[in-house]
């Protein structure tokens, strides 16, 4: 089974079109979105082709394949235009034997982890930086941002197949992997 993971779309129609192209190529079983879907937030510059309604339309077109959690820039008004649930602060998933705690990162993150079972992977976005680190009994994974990458990183998404996470840039080129041990 293959899970595609993306975060921090921030209303960029350009980045979401690239994500939809990657989804067609990758053929994941599901797309997990880690929040900040439509609004860019007051501290971020406008992303390429900022168009919240176009983004909502593209995501609604694949609503049956999306799992999503709320980011700090997401609100009830966003839920009114999205046809899939996205207001939960976190989701706990067992994906093909891998325990995932999916959240945006503004409440629970690497520095402030939630209570988790041993071996769980904490997945969060929010910081716009791809990352993978082991912490003894748990792992931290961040897919980076599709639309507003920070600190020299590239726009990216993440794939989980088996026990391996693979980061890809928005053109589908792999640039990093992390395998759970």
N, C-alpha and C. Protein backbone atom coordinates (compact mmCIF):
# COMPACT_ATOMS: atom_id res chain seq x y z
N UNK A 1 0.83 -1.19 0.00
CA UNK A 1 0.00 0.00 0.00
C UNK A 1 0.88 1.25 0.00
N UNK A 2 0.40 2.26 -0.68
CA UNK A 2 1.16 3.50 -0.81
C UNK A 2 0.34 4.68 -0.29
N UNK A 3 0.96 5.47 0.60
CA UNK A 3 0.34 6.66 1.14
C UNK A 3 1.13 7.87 0.67
N UNK A 4 0.45 8.85 0.08
CA UNK A 4 1.07 10.12 -0.30
C UNK A 4 0.73 11.12 0.81
N UNK A 5 1.72 11.89 1.24
CA UNK A 5 1.56 12.83 2.34
C UNK A 5 2.03 14.21 1.88
N UNK A 6 1.20 15.22 2.13
CA UNK A 6 1.58 16.59 1.77
C UNK A 6 1.09 17.54 2.85
N UNK A 7 1.73 18.69 2.93
CA UNK A 7 1.36 19.68 3.94
C UNK A 7 1.56 21.08 3.39
N UNK A 8 0.89 22.01 4.03
CA UNK A 8 1.11 23.43 3.78
C UNK A 8 0.95 23.81 2.31
N UNK A 9 -0.24 23.52 1.79
CA UNK A 9 -0.58 23.87 0.41
C UNK A 9 -0.81 25.38 0.28
N UNK A 10 -1.35 25.98 1.32
CA UNK A 10 -1.54 27.42 1.44
C UNK A 10 -2.21 28.08 0.23
N UNK A 11 -3.19 27.40 -0.36
CA UNK A 11 -3.97 28.01 -1.42
C UNK A 11 -3.27 28.17 -2.76
N UNK A 12 -2.13 27.51 -2.96
CA UNK A 12 -1.39 27.63 -4.21
C UNK A 12 -1.94 26.67 -5.27
N UNK A 13 -2.68 27.22 -6.23
CA UNK A 13 -3.22 26.40 -7.31
C UNK A 13 -2.07 25.76 -8.11
N UNK A 14 -0.99 26.49 -8.28
CA UNK A 14 0.17 25.95 -9.00
C UNK A 14 0.69 24.68 -8.31
N UNK A 15 0.93 24.77 -7.00
CA UNK A 15 1.48 23.63 -6.26
C UNK A 15 0.50 22.46 -6.20
N UNK A 16 -0.78 22.76 -6.07
CA UNK A 16 -1.77 21.68 -5.99
C UNK A 16 -1.92 21.01 -7.35
N UNK A 17 -1.83 21.75 -8.45
CA UNK A 17 -1.82 21.10 -9.79
C UNK A 17 -0.63 20.14 -9.89
N UNK A 18 0.54 20.59 -9.41
CA UNK A 18 1.73 19.71 -9.43
C UNK A 18 1.49 18.48 -8.56
N UNK A 19 0.85 18.67 -7.40
CA UNK A 19 0.54 17.56 -6.50
C UNK A 19 -0.44 16.59 -7.17
N UNK A 20 -1.43 17.11 -7.88
CA UNK A 20 -2.39 16.25 -8.57
C UNK A 20 -1.71 15.47 -9.70
N UNK A 21 -0.78 16.10 -10.40
CA UNK A 21 0.00 15.39 -11.42
C UNK A 21 0.82 14.27 -10.78
N UNK A 22 1.46 14.58 -9.68
CA UNK A 22 2.26 13.57 -8.97
C UNK A 22 1.37 12.44 -8.49
N UNK A 23 0.18 12.77 -8.02
CA UNK A 23 -0.76 11.74 -7.55
C UNK A 23 -1.15 10.80 -8.70
N UNK A 24 -1.39 11.37 -9.88
CA UNK A 24 -1.73 10.52 -11.04
C UNK A 24 -0.56 9.59 -11.38
N UNK A 25 0.65 10.10 -11.27
CA UNK A 25 1.84 9.29 -11.57
C UNK A 25 2.09 8.24 -10.48
N UNK A 26 2.03 8.65 -9.23
CA UNK A 26 2.36 7.77 -8.10
C UNK A 26 1.28 6.74 -7.80
N UNK A 27 0.02 7.05 -8.09
CA UNK A 27 -1.11 6.16 -7.83
C UNK A 27 -1.16 5.67 -6.37
N UNK A 28 -1.17 6.61 -5.41
CA UNK A 28 -1.26 6.18 -4.01
C UNK A 28 -2.67 5.69 -3.68
N UNK A 29 -2.77 4.91 -2.62
CA UNK A 29 -4.08 4.46 -2.15
C UNK A 29 -4.85 5.61 -1.51
N UNK A 30 -4.13 6.51 -0.84
CA UNK A 30 -4.74 7.68 -0.18
C UNK A 30 -3.75 8.84 -0.22
N UNK A 31 -4.32 10.05 -0.06
CA UNK A 31 -3.54 11.27 0.10
C UNK A 31 -3.84 11.82 1.49
N UNK A 32 -2.82 11.92 2.32
CA UNK A 32 -2.94 12.46 3.67
C UNK A 32 -2.44 13.90 3.65
N UNK A 33 -3.33 14.84 4.01
CA UNK A 33 -2.99 16.26 4.03
C UNK A 33 -2.85 16.72 5.48
N UNK A 34 -1.71 17.32 5.79
CA UNK A 34 -1.38 17.70 7.16
C UNK A 34 -1.68 19.16 7.46
N UNK A 35 -2.69 19.72 6.84
CA UNK A 35 -3.17 21.04 7.21
C UNK A 35 -2.62 22.20 6.41
N UNK A 36 -3.18 23.38 6.70
CA UNK A 36 -2.92 24.63 5.99
C UNK A 36 -3.18 24.45 4.50
N UNK A 37 -4.43 24.17 4.20
CA UNK A 37 -4.82 23.82 2.84
C UNK A 37 -5.13 25.03 1.96
N UNK A 38 -5.91 25.99 2.46
CA UNK A 38 -6.40 27.06 1.59
C UNK A 38 -5.78 28.43 1.85
N UNK A 39 -5.64 28.83 3.08
CA UNK A 39 -5.21 30.18 3.40
C UNK A 39 -3.69 30.25 3.55
N UNK A 40 -3.09 31.35 3.13
CA UNK A 40 -1.63 31.49 3.19
C UNK A 40 -1.13 31.95 4.55
N UNK A 41 -1.99 32.53 5.36
CA UNK A 41 -1.57 32.99 6.68
C UNK A 41 -0.93 34.36 6.62
N UNK A 42 -1.02 35.14 7.68
CA UNK A 42 -0.52 36.52 7.66
C UNK A 42 1.01 36.63 7.65
N UNK A 43 1.72 35.57 8.04
CA UNK A 43 3.19 35.66 8.09
C UNK A 43 3.86 35.16 6.82
N UNK A 44 3.07 34.56 5.91
CA UNK A 44 3.64 34.01 4.68
C UNK A 44 3.37 34.93 3.51
N UNK A 45 4.30 34.97 2.57
CA UNK A 45 4.06 35.67 1.31
C UNK A 45 3.01 34.88 0.53
N UNK A 46 2.36 35.53 -0.41
CA UNK A 46 1.41 34.82 -1.27
C UNK A 46 2.16 33.77 -2.09
N UNK A 47 1.66 32.53 -2.09
CA UNK A 47 2.31 31.50 -2.90
C UNK A 47 1.95 31.65 -4.37
N UNK A 48 2.63 30.92 -5.22
CA UNK A 48 2.37 30.96 -6.67
C UNK A 48 0.92 30.62 -6.96
N UNK A 49 0.30 31.45 -7.79
CA UNK A 49 -1.08 31.25 -8.23
C UNK A 49 -2.02 31.03 -7.05
N UNK A 50 -2.00 31.95 -6.11
CA UNK A 50 -2.86 31.88 -4.94
C UNK A 50 -4.32 31.94 -5.38
N UNK A 51 -5.05 30.85 -5.18
CA UNK A 51 -6.45 30.76 -5.60
C UNK A 51 -7.13 29.67 -4.77
N UNK A 52 -7.62 30.07 -3.61
CA UNK A 52 -8.20 29.12 -2.66
C UNK A 52 -9.34 28.31 -3.26
N UNK A 53 -10.20 28.94 -4.04
CA UNK A 53 -11.34 28.20 -4.60
C UNK A 53 -10.89 27.20 -5.66
N UNK A 54 -9.87 27.51 -6.42
CA UNK A 54 -9.34 26.53 -7.39
C UNK A 54 -8.75 25.34 -6.64
N UNK A 55 -8.03 25.61 -5.56
CA UNK A 55 -7.47 24.53 -4.74
C UNK A 55 -8.59 23.68 -4.16
N UNK A 56 -9.62 24.31 -3.61
CA UNK A 56 -10.76 23.57 -3.06
C UNK A 56 -11.38 22.69 -4.14
N UNK A 57 -11.53 23.20 -5.33
CA UNK A 57 -12.11 22.43 -6.43
C UNK A 57 -11.28 21.20 -6.78
N UNK A 58 -9.95 21.37 -6.85
CA UNK A 58 -9.08 20.23 -7.17
C UNK A 58 -9.14 19.18 -6.08
N UNK A 59 -9.10 19.61 -4.82
CA UNK A 59 -9.15 18.66 -3.72
C UNK A 59 -10.52 17.99 -3.62
N UNK A 60 -11.58 18.74 -3.82
CA UNK A 60 -12.92 18.15 -3.79
C UNK A 60 -13.08 17.09 -4.87
N UNK A 61 -12.37 17.24 -5.98
CA UNK A 61 -12.44 16.27 -7.07
C UNK A 61 -11.90 14.90 -6.69
N UNK A 62 -11.10 14.83 -5.63
CA UNK A 62 -10.56 13.54 -5.17
C UNK A 62 -10.93 13.29 -3.71
N UNK A 63 -12.02 13.88 -3.26
CA UNK A 63 -12.42 13.86 -1.84
C UNK A 63 -12.47 12.47 -1.23
N UNK A 64 -12.83 11.47 -2.01
CA UNK A 64 -12.93 10.11 -1.48
C UNK A 64 -11.58 9.47 -1.21
N UNK A 65 -10.51 10.12 -1.64
CA UNK A 65 -9.16 9.58 -1.46
C UNK A 65 -8.34 10.37 -0.45
N UNK A 66 -8.95 11.40 0.16
CA UNK A 66 -8.22 12.29 1.07
C UNK A 66 -8.51 11.98 2.53
N UNK A 67 -7.44 11.98 3.31
CA UNK A 67 -7.51 12.03 4.77
C UNK A 67 -6.85 13.36 5.13
N UNK A 68 -7.45 14.14 6.05
CA UNK A 68 -6.89 15.46 6.33
C UNK A 68 -7.04 15.83 7.79
N UNK A 69 -6.09 16.63 8.27
CA UNK A 69 -6.16 17.24 9.59
C UNK A 69 -6.07 18.75 9.42
N UNK A 70 -6.48 19.47 10.45
CA UNK A 70 -6.54 20.92 10.44
C UNK A 70 -5.18 21.52 10.76
N UNK A 71 -4.84 22.57 10.04
CA UNK A 71 -3.65 23.35 10.34
C UNK A 71 -4.01 24.63 11.05
N UNK A 72 -3.02 25.38 11.48
CA UNK A 72 -3.28 26.63 12.19
C UNK A 72 -3.88 27.71 11.30
N UNK A 73 -3.77 27.58 9.99
CA UNK A 73 -4.39 28.54 9.07
C UNK A 73 -5.76 28.07 8.57
N UNK A 74 -6.19 26.88 8.96
CA UNK A 74 -7.49 26.35 8.53
C UNK A 74 -8.58 26.73 9.53
N UNK A 75 -9.79 26.96 9.03
CA UNK A 75 -10.88 27.34 9.92
C UNK A 75 -12.21 26.80 9.40
N UNK A 76 -13.27 27.06 10.15
CA UNK A 76 -14.58 26.54 9.80
C UNK A 76 -15.05 27.03 8.44
N UNK A 77 -14.69 28.23 8.05
CA UNK A 77 -15.08 28.73 6.73
C UNK A 77 -14.45 27.87 5.63
N UNK A 78 -13.22 27.42 5.85
CA UNK A 78 -12.57 26.53 4.87
C UNK A 78 -13.35 25.23 4.74
N UNK A 79 -13.82 24.70 5.88
CA UNK A 79 -14.57 23.45 5.85
C UNK A 79 -15.85 23.60 5.04
N UNK A 80 -16.39 24.80 4.98
CA UNK A 80 -17.63 25.03 4.22
C UNK A 80 -17.44 24.83 2.72
N UNK A 81 -16.22 25.00 2.20
CA UNK A 81 -16.00 24.83 0.76
C UNK A 81 -15.30 23.50 0.43
N UNK A 82 -14.86 22.78 1.46
CA UNK A 82 -14.22 21.49 1.23
C UNK A 82 -15.21 20.36 1.49
N UNK A 83 -15.21 19.37 0.64
CA UNK A 83 -16.19 18.28 0.70
C UNK A 83 -15.63 17.03 1.37
N UNK A 84 -14.66 17.20 2.24
CA UNK A 84 -14.09 16.11 3.04
C UNK A 84 -13.75 16.70 4.40
N UNK A 85 -13.77 15.91 5.46
CA UNK A 85 -13.49 16.45 6.79
C UNK A 85 -12.02 16.83 6.94
N UNK A 86 -11.81 18.02 7.57
CA UNK A 86 -10.44 18.48 7.80
C UNK A 86 -10.29 19.30 9.07
N UNK A 87 -11.24 19.18 9.99
CA UNK A 87 -11.20 20.02 11.18
C UNK A 87 -10.62 19.31 12.41
N UNK A 88 -10.24 18.06 12.31
CA UNK A 88 -9.65 17.35 13.45
C UNK A 88 -8.20 17.81 13.63
N UNK A 89 -7.77 17.96 14.88
CA UNK A 89 -6.40 18.38 15.15
C UNK A 89 -5.38 17.28 14.90
N UNK A 90 -5.84 16.02 14.89
CA UNK A 90 -4.92 14.91 14.65
C UNK A 90 -5.72 13.69 14.17
N UNK A 91 -5.00 12.74 13.63
CA UNK A 91 -5.57 11.45 13.26
C UNK A 91 -4.53 10.39 13.59
N UNK A 92 -4.98 9.30 14.18
CA UNK A 92 -4.09 8.17 14.45
C UNK A 92 -4.46 7.08 13.45
N UNK A 93 -3.46 6.63 12.70
CA UNK A 93 -3.68 5.66 11.64
C UNK A 93 -2.75 4.47 11.80
N UNK A 94 -3.22 3.30 11.41
CA UNK A 94 -2.35 2.15 11.25
C UNK A 94 -2.30 1.91 9.76
N UNK A 95 -1.21 2.32 9.12
CA UNK A 95 -1.08 2.23 7.67
C UNK A 95 -0.15 1.08 7.33
N UNK A 96 -0.73 -0.01 6.92
CA UNK A 96 0.04 -1.17 6.49
C UNK A 96 1.05 -1.58 7.58
N UNK A 97 0.61 -1.55 8.85
CA UNK A 97 1.46 -1.96 9.96
C UNK A 97 2.32 -0.87 10.56
N UNK A 98 2.26 0.36 10.00
CA UNK A 98 3.02 1.49 10.54
C UNK A 98 2.04 2.39 11.30
N UNK A 99 2.34 2.62 12.58
CA UNK A 99 1.49 3.49 13.40
C UNK A 99 1.85 4.95 13.13
N UNK A 100 0.87 5.72 12.71
CA UNK A 100 1.07 7.13 12.39
C UNK A 100 0.22 8.02 13.29
N UNK A 101 0.82 9.07 13.80
CA UNK A 101 0.11 10.13 14.50
C UNK A 101 0.25 11.35 13.60
N UNK A 102 -0.81 11.66 12.85
CA UNK A 102 -0.78 12.74 11.88
C UNK A 102 -1.39 14.00 12.48
N UNK A 103 -0.65 15.09 12.42
CA UNK A 103 -1.11 16.37 12.94
C UNK A 103 -0.42 17.48 12.16
N UNK A 104 -0.87 18.71 12.33
CA UNK A 104 -0.24 19.79 11.57
C UNK A 104 1.12 20.18 12.14
N UNK A 105 1.22 20.27 13.45
CA UNK A 105 2.50 20.62 14.06
C UNK A 105 2.45 21.86 14.94
N UNK A 106 1.39 22.62 14.87
CA UNK A 106 1.30 23.82 15.71
C UNK A 106 0.92 23.48 17.15
N UNK A 107 0.31 22.32 17.37
CA UNK A 107 -0.03 21.88 18.72
C UNK A 107 0.92 20.79 19.20
N UNK A 108 1.08 19.77 18.39
CA UNK A 108 1.97 18.64 18.69
C UNK A 108 3.07 18.60 17.64
N UNK A 109 4.31 18.44 18.07
CA UNK A 109 5.43 18.42 17.13
C UNK A 109 6.63 17.74 17.79
N UNK A 110 7.76 17.79 17.14
CA UNK A 110 8.96 17.12 17.62
C UNK A 110 9.39 17.62 19.00
N UNK A 111 9.26 18.90 19.24
CA UNK A 111 9.64 19.49 20.53
C UNK A 111 8.56 19.30 21.61
N UNK A 112 7.34 19.05 21.16
CA UNK A 112 6.21 18.89 22.08
C UNK A 112 5.38 17.70 21.58
N UNK A 113 5.91 16.48 21.73
CA UNK A 113 5.22 15.31 21.18
C UNK A 113 3.97 14.94 21.98
N UNK A 114 2.98 14.41 21.30
CA UNK A 114 1.78 13.94 22.00
C UNK A 114 2.08 12.61 22.68
N UNK A 115 1.21 12.17 23.58
CA UNK A 115 1.38 10.81 24.12
C UNK A 115 1.17 9.82 22.97
N UNK A 116 2.16 8.97 22.74
CA UNK A 116 2.09 8.02 21.62
C UNK A 116 2.57 6.66 22.06
N UNK A 117 2.05 5.64 21.42
CA UNK A 117 2.53 4.27 21.66
C UNK A 117 3.94 4.14 21.11
N UNK A 118 4.69 3.23 21.69
CA UNK A 118 6.06 2.96 21.23
C UNK A 118 6.03 2.57 19.75
N UNK A 119 7.00 3.10 19.00
CA UNK A 119 7.12 2.79 17.58
C UNK A 119 6.30 3.68 16.67
N UNK A 120 5.56 4.62 17.24
CA UNK A 120 4.71 5.51 16.43
C UNK A 120 5.56 6.51 15.66
N UNK A 121 5.08 6.88 14.47
CA UNK A 121 5.68 7.93 13.66
C UNK A 121 4.83 9.19 13.84
N UNK A 122 5.45 10.25 14.34
CA UNK A 122 4.79 11.54 14.43
C UNK A 122 4.99 12.26 13.11
N UNK A 123 3.90 12.47 12.38
CA UNK A 123 3.92 13.17 11.09
C UNK A 123 3.38 14.56 11.30
N UNK A 124 4.14 15.57 10.96
CA UNK A 124 3.58 16.92 10.96
C UNK A 124 4.28 17.81 9.95
N UNK A 125 3.54 18.83 9.53
CA UNK A 125 4.06 19.85 8.63
C UNK A 125 4.41 21.09 9.45
N UNK A 126 3.75 22.20 9.15
CA UNK A 126 3.80 23.46 9.88
C UNK A 126 5.12 24.22 9.74
N UNK A 127 6.24 23.55 9.81
CA UNK A 127 7.53 24.23 9.79
C UNK A 127 8.10 24.42 8.39
N UNK A 128 7.46 23.79 7.39
CA UNK A 128 7.84 23.94 5.98
C UNK A 128 9.25 23.43 5.70
N UNK A 129 9.71 22.48 6.51
CA UNK A 129 11.05 21.91 6.36
C UNK A 129 10.97 20.39 6.36
N UNK A 130 11.45 19.73 5.31
CA UNK A 130 11.48 18.27 5.33
C UNK A 130 12.42 17.78 6.42
N UNK A 131 12.00 16.73 7.13
CA UNK A 131 12.83 16.21 8.22
C UNK A 131 12.48 14.76 8.52
N UNK A 132 13.47 14.04 9.04
CA UNK A 132 13.28 12.66 9.52
C UNK A 132 14.30 12.41 10.61
N UNK A 133 13.80 12.05 11.80
CA UNK A 133 14.69 11.77 12.92
C UNK A 133 14.08 10.70 13.81
N UNK A 134 14.93 9.83 14.30
CA UNK A 134 14.52 8.85 15.29
C UNK A 134 14.67 9.42 16.69
N UNK A 135 13.75 9.05 17.57
CA UNK A 135 13.79 9.52 18.96
C UNK A 135 13.63 8.33 19.90
N UNK A 136 14.44 7.33 19.72
CA UNK A 136 14.35 6.15 20.58
C UNK A 136 13.12 5.33 20.25
N UNK A 137 12.04 5.55 21.00
CA UNK A 137 10.84 4.73 20.83
C UNK A 137 9.86 5.29 19.80
N UNK A 138 10.18 6.43 19.17
CA UNK A 138 9.30 7.00 18.14
C UNK A 138 10.13 7.73 17.08
N UNK A 139 9.47 8.06 15.98
CA UNK A 139 10.13 8.73 14.85
C UNK A 139 9.40 10.03 14.54
N UNK A 140 10.15 11.00 14.05
CA UNK A 140 9.59 12.27 13.61
C UNK A 140 9.79 12.41 12.12
N UNK A 141 8.70 12.74 11.40
CA UNK A 141 8.76 12.91 9.94
C UNK A 141 7.99 14.18 9.57
N UNK A 142 8.58 15.01 8.71
CA UNK A 142 7.93 16.21 8.18
C UNK A 142 8.10 16.19 6.66
N UNK A 143 7.00 16.28 5.90
CA UNK A 143 7.12 16.24 4.44
C UNK A 143 7.62 17.53 3.83
N UNK A 144 7.73 18.60 4.61
CA UNK A 144 8.04 19.91 4.04
C UNK A 144 6.76 20.55 3.53
N UNK A 145 6.89 21.59 2.76
CA UNK A 145 5.73 22.31 2.23
C UNK A 145 5.68 22.17 0.72
N UNK A 146 4.48 21.98 0.19
CA UNK A 146 4.34 21.93 -1.27
C UNK A 146 4.55 23.32 -1.88
N UNK A 147 4.13 24.37 -1.16
CA UNK A 147 4.01 25.68 -1.79
C UNK A 147 4.93 26.78 -1.27
N UNK A 148 5.32 26.71 0.00
CA UNK A 148 6.17 27.77 0.58
C UNK A 148 7.31 27.11 1.36
N UNK A 149 8.24 26.46 0.65
CA UNK A 149 9.36 25.82 1.36
C UNK A 149 10.24 26.87 2.03
N UNK A 150 10.85 26.48 3.15
CA UNK A 150 11.67 27.42 3.91
C UNK A 150 13.12 26.95 3.99
N UNK A 151 14.00 27.89 4.30
CA UNK A 151 15.42 27.64 4.57
C UNK A 151 16.12 26.85 3.47
N UNK A 152 15.84 27.18 2.22
CA UNK A 152 16.53 26.55 1.10
C UNK A 152 15.98 25.19 0.70
N UNK A 153 14.92 24.71 1.37
CA UNK A 153 14.34 23.43 0.96
C UNK A 153 13.52 23.64 -0.31
N UNK A 154 13.09 22.56 -0.92
CA UNK A 154 12.28 22.63 -2.14
C UNK A 154 10.85 22.24 -1.81
N UNK A 155 9.90 22.70 -2.63
CA UNK A 155 8.53 22.24 -2.50
C UNK A 155 8.53 20.73 -2.62
N UNK A 156 7.80 20.05 -1.73
CA UNK A 156 7.90 18.59 -1.72
C UNK A 156 6.64 17.92 -1.19
N UNK A 157 6.59 16.62 -1.45
CA UNK A 157 5.60 15.73 -0.87
C UNK A 157 6.33 14.47 -0.45
N UNK A 158 5.62 13.57 0.21
CA UNK A 158 6.23 12.40 0.81
C UNK A 158 5.42 11.17 0.43
N UNK A 159 6.10 10.06 0.23
CA UNK A 159 5.45 8.77 0.00
C UNK A 159 5.86 7.80 1.10
N UNK A 160 4.90 7.01 1.55
CA UNK A 160 5.17 5.92 2.49
C UNK A 160 4.79 4.63 1.80
N UNK A 161 5.79 3.77 1.60
CA UNK A 161 5.58 2.42 1.05
C UNK A 161 6.30 1.45 1.95
N UNK A 162 5.56 0.47 2.47
CA UNK A 162 6.16 -0.45 3.44
C UNK A 162 6.57 0.32 4.67
N UNK A 163 7.87 0.31 4.96
CA UNK A 163 8.39 1.06 6.11
C UNK A 163 9.36 2.17 5.68
N UNK A 164 9.27 2.54 4.39
CA UNK A 164 10.17 3.56 3.86
C UNK A 164 9.42 4.81 3.43
N UNK A 165 9.91 5.95 3.90
CA UNK A 165 9.40 7.25 3.51
C UNK A 165 10.34 7.80 2.44
N UNK A 166 9.77 8.34 1.36
CA UNK A 166 10.56 8.93 0.28
C UNK A 166 10.06 10.34 0.01
N UNK A 167 10.95 11.34 0.11
CA UNK A 167 10.62 12.72 -0.21
C UNK A 167 10.86 12.93 -1.69
N UNK A 168 9.91 13.60 -2.33
CA UNK A 168 10.05 13.95 -3.74
C UNK A 168 9.76 15.43 -3.92
N UNK A 169 10.51 16.04 -4.84
CA UNK A 169 10.20 17.44 -5.16
C UNK A 169 8.92 17.47 -5.99
N UNK A 170 8.43 18.63 -6.28
CA UNK A 170 7.14 18.75 -6.95
C UNK A 170 7.16 18.29 -8.40
N UNK A 171 8.34 17.97 -8.92
CA UNK A 171 8.47 17.36 -10.25
C UNK A 171 8.60 15.85 -10.16
N UNK A 172 8.50 15.29 -8.95
CA UNK A 172 8.52 13.84 -8.78
C UNK A 172 9.89 13.22 -8.63
N UNK A 173 10.92 14.03 -8.44
CA UNK A 173 12.28 13.51 -8.29
C UNK A 173 12.55 13.22 -6.81
N UNK A 174 12.92 11.98 -6.51
CA UNK A 174 13.24 11.60 -5.13
C UNK A 174 14.55 12.26 -4.70
N UNK A 175 14.58 12.76 -3.47
CA UNK A 175 15.81 13.36 -2.97
C UNK A 175 16.20 12.92 -1.57
N UNK A 176 15.35 12.14 -0.89
CA UNK A 176 15.70 11.68 0.46
C UNK A 176 14.81 10.49 0.80
N UNK A 177 15.36 9.55 1.57
CA UNK A 177 14.56 8.44 2.09
C UNK A 177 14.87 8.22 3.56
N UNK A 178 13.93 7.60 4.24
CA UNK A 178 14.09 7.26 5.65
C UNK A 178 13.33 5.97 5.87
N UNK A 179 14.02 4.93 6.35
CA UNK A 179 13.40 3.64 6.59
C UNK A 179 13.31 3.40 8.09
N UNK A 180 12.13 3.03 8.53
CA UNK A 180 11.92 2.70 9.94
C UNK A 180 12.62 1.40 10.27
N UNK A 181 13.29 1.38 11.39
CA UNK A 181 13.98 0.14 11.80
C UNK A 181 13.23 -0.54 12.90
